Amino acid sequence: MSRALFYWNTATEATRLGARLAVVCDQDASAIKTKMQAMLGVLEADQINVTYSPDGCDSNSCRSVTVSINGFNFTALIPVLPLNIPMPSFSTTLPRESMDSANPDCT
């Protein structure tokens, strides 16, 4: 169970990281997904969604960014009992900030 809770916590932190990168650094979705996958190696890129609000906005007109993880399963190999636990959806929404890729925190 500790391992499942570790994945739960790390998935939550990964969505926070992704949302923070999107609102402060104006990084594209593929760069955000790569950094989230580095944090939680079992994630697939198609399980991560980056949504800007309103649709089609740019760095000057976006109001918020939502980063979510969907369809993520925790798999444990317990002797005699393989376990596959579907995890809930994880989501973080943050309001627009600088969206400036020149920000030193964006590396």
Protein backbone atom coordinates (compact mmCIF):
# COMPACT_ATOMS: atom_id res chain seq x y z
CA MET A 1 0.00 0.00 0.00
CA SER A 2 2.93 2.34 0.64
CA ARG A 3 3.96 2.08 -3.00
CA ALA A 4 0.42 2.94 -4.15
CA LEU A 5 0.39 6.01 -1.89
CA PHE A 6 3.81 7.01 -3.22
CA TYR A 7 2.46 6.94 -6.79
CA TRP A 8 -0.65 8.85 -5.68
CA ASN A 9 1.46 11.59 -4.09
CA THR A 10 3.91 11.74 -6.99
CA ALA A 11 1.06 12.00 -9.54
CA THR A 12 -0.35 14.94 -7.56
CA GLU A 13 3.06 16.63 -7.49
CA ALA A 14 3.57 15.96 -11.21
CA THR A 15 0.34 17.82 -12.09
CA ARG A 16 1.44 20.72 -9.90
CA LEU A 17 4.82 20.81 -11.64
CA GLY A 18 3.18 20.71 -15.08
CA ALA A 19 0.73 23.50 -14.27
CA ARG A 20 3.48 25.64 -12.75
CA LEU A 21 5.69 25.20 -15.83
CA ALA A 22 2.77 26.13 -18.08
CA VAL A 23 1.79 29.34 -16.26
CA VAL A 24 5.26 30.64 -15.45
CA CYS A 25 7.41 29.37 -18.31
CA ASP A 26 5.06 29.18 -21.31
CA GLN A 27 6.47 25.76 -22.22
CA ASP A 28 4.67 23.69 -24.82
CA ALA A 29 2.69 20.60 -23.86
CA SER A 30 5.37 18.13 -25.02
CA ALA A 31 8.05 19.75 -22.81
CA ILE A 32 5.66 19.72 -19.85
CA LYS A 33 4.77 16.07 -20.43
CA THR A 34 8.46 15.13 -20.65
CA LYS A 35 9.20 16.75 -17.29
CA MET A 36 6.15 15.11 -15.70
CA GLN A 37 7.21 11.70 -17.06
CA ALA A 38 10.69 12.25 -15.60
CA MET A 39 9.05 12.79 -12.20
CA LEU A 40 6.76 9.74 -12.48
CA GLY A 41 8.31 7.30 -14.91
CA VAL A 42 5.25 5.07 -15.31
CA LEU A 43 3.24 7.84 -17.01
CA GLU A 44 2.59 7.73 -20.74
CA ALA A 45 2.33 10.98 -22.70
CA ASP A 46 -1.27 10.19 -23.74
CA GLN A 47 -2.30 10.04 -20.05
CA ILE A 48 -1.33 13.71 -19.55
CA ASN A 49 -3.54 16.60 -20.71
CA VAL A 50 -2.55 20.28 -20.79
CA THR A 51 -5.49 22.63 -21.34
CA TYR A 52 -5.32 26.41 -21.63
CA SER A 53 -8.35 28.57 -20.91
CA PRO A 54 -9.89 30.06 -22.97
CA ASP A 55 -9.30 27.72 -25.91
CA GLY A 56 -6.85 29.04 -28.49
CA CYS A 57 -5.38 31.70 -26.23
CA ASP A 58 -1.78 32.91 -26.36
CA SER A 59 0.62 33.98 -23.59
CA ASN A 60 -1.10 37.38 -23.39
CA SER A 61 -4.72 36.23 -23.32
CA CYS A 62 -4.69 32.95 -21.33
CA ARG A 63 -6.42 33.11 -17.97
CA SER A 64 -5.52 29.68 -16.59
CA VAL A 65 -3.94 26.33 -17.31
CA THR A 66 -5.19 22.90 -16.21
CA VAL A 67 -2.87 19.91 -16.21
CA SER A 68 -4.40 16.50 -15.57
CA ILE A 69 -3.48 12.82 -15.49
CA ASN A 70 -6.14 10.29 -16.57
CA GLY A 71 -6.14 6.52 -17.07
CA PHE A 72 -3.20 5.84 -14.77
CA ASN A 73 -3.02 2.41 -13.09
CA PHE A 74 -0.86 1.23 -10.24
CA THR A 75 0.42 -2.29 -10.80
CA ALA A 76 1.96 -4.29 -7.96
CA LEU A 77 3.40 -7.75 -8.08
CA ILE A 78 2.59 -9.38 -4.79
CA PRO A 79 3.51 -13.07 -4.69
CA VAL A 80 0.52 -15.11 -5.88
CA LEU A 81 -1.65 -11.96 -6.22
CA PRO A 82 -0.98 -9.52 -9.07
CA LEU A 83 -2.66 -6.21 -8.32
CA ASN A 84 -3.81 -3.59 -10.84
CA ILE A 85 -5.39 -0.60 -9.11
CA PRO A 86 -6.95 2.16 -11.27
CA MET A 87 -5.91 5.51 -9.85
CA PRO A 88 -8.29 8.47 -9.85
CA SER A 89 -7.83 11.42 -12.16
CA PHE A 90 -5.37 14.02 -10.90
CA SER A 91 -5.73 17.67 -11.88
CA THR A 92 -4.19 21.05 -11.05
CA THR A 93 -5.47 24.41 -12.33
CA LEU A 94 -3.44 27.57 -11.87
CA PRO A 95 -4.15 31.16 -12.96
CA ARG A 96 -1.98 32.81 -15.58
CA GLU A 97 1.22 34.39 -14.32
CA SER A 98 4.14 35.65 -16.35
CA MET A 99 4.16 32.94 -19.08
CA ASP A 100 7.68 34.15 -19.82
CA SER A 101 10.09 31.50 -21.10
CA ALA A 102 13.01 33.80 -20.21
CA ASN A 103 12.20 33.26 -16.53
CA PRO A 104 15.25 31.68 -14.79
CA ASP A 105 12.99 29.12 -13.08
CA CYS A 106 12.10 27.61 -16.47
CA THR A 107 15.12 25.35 -16.88
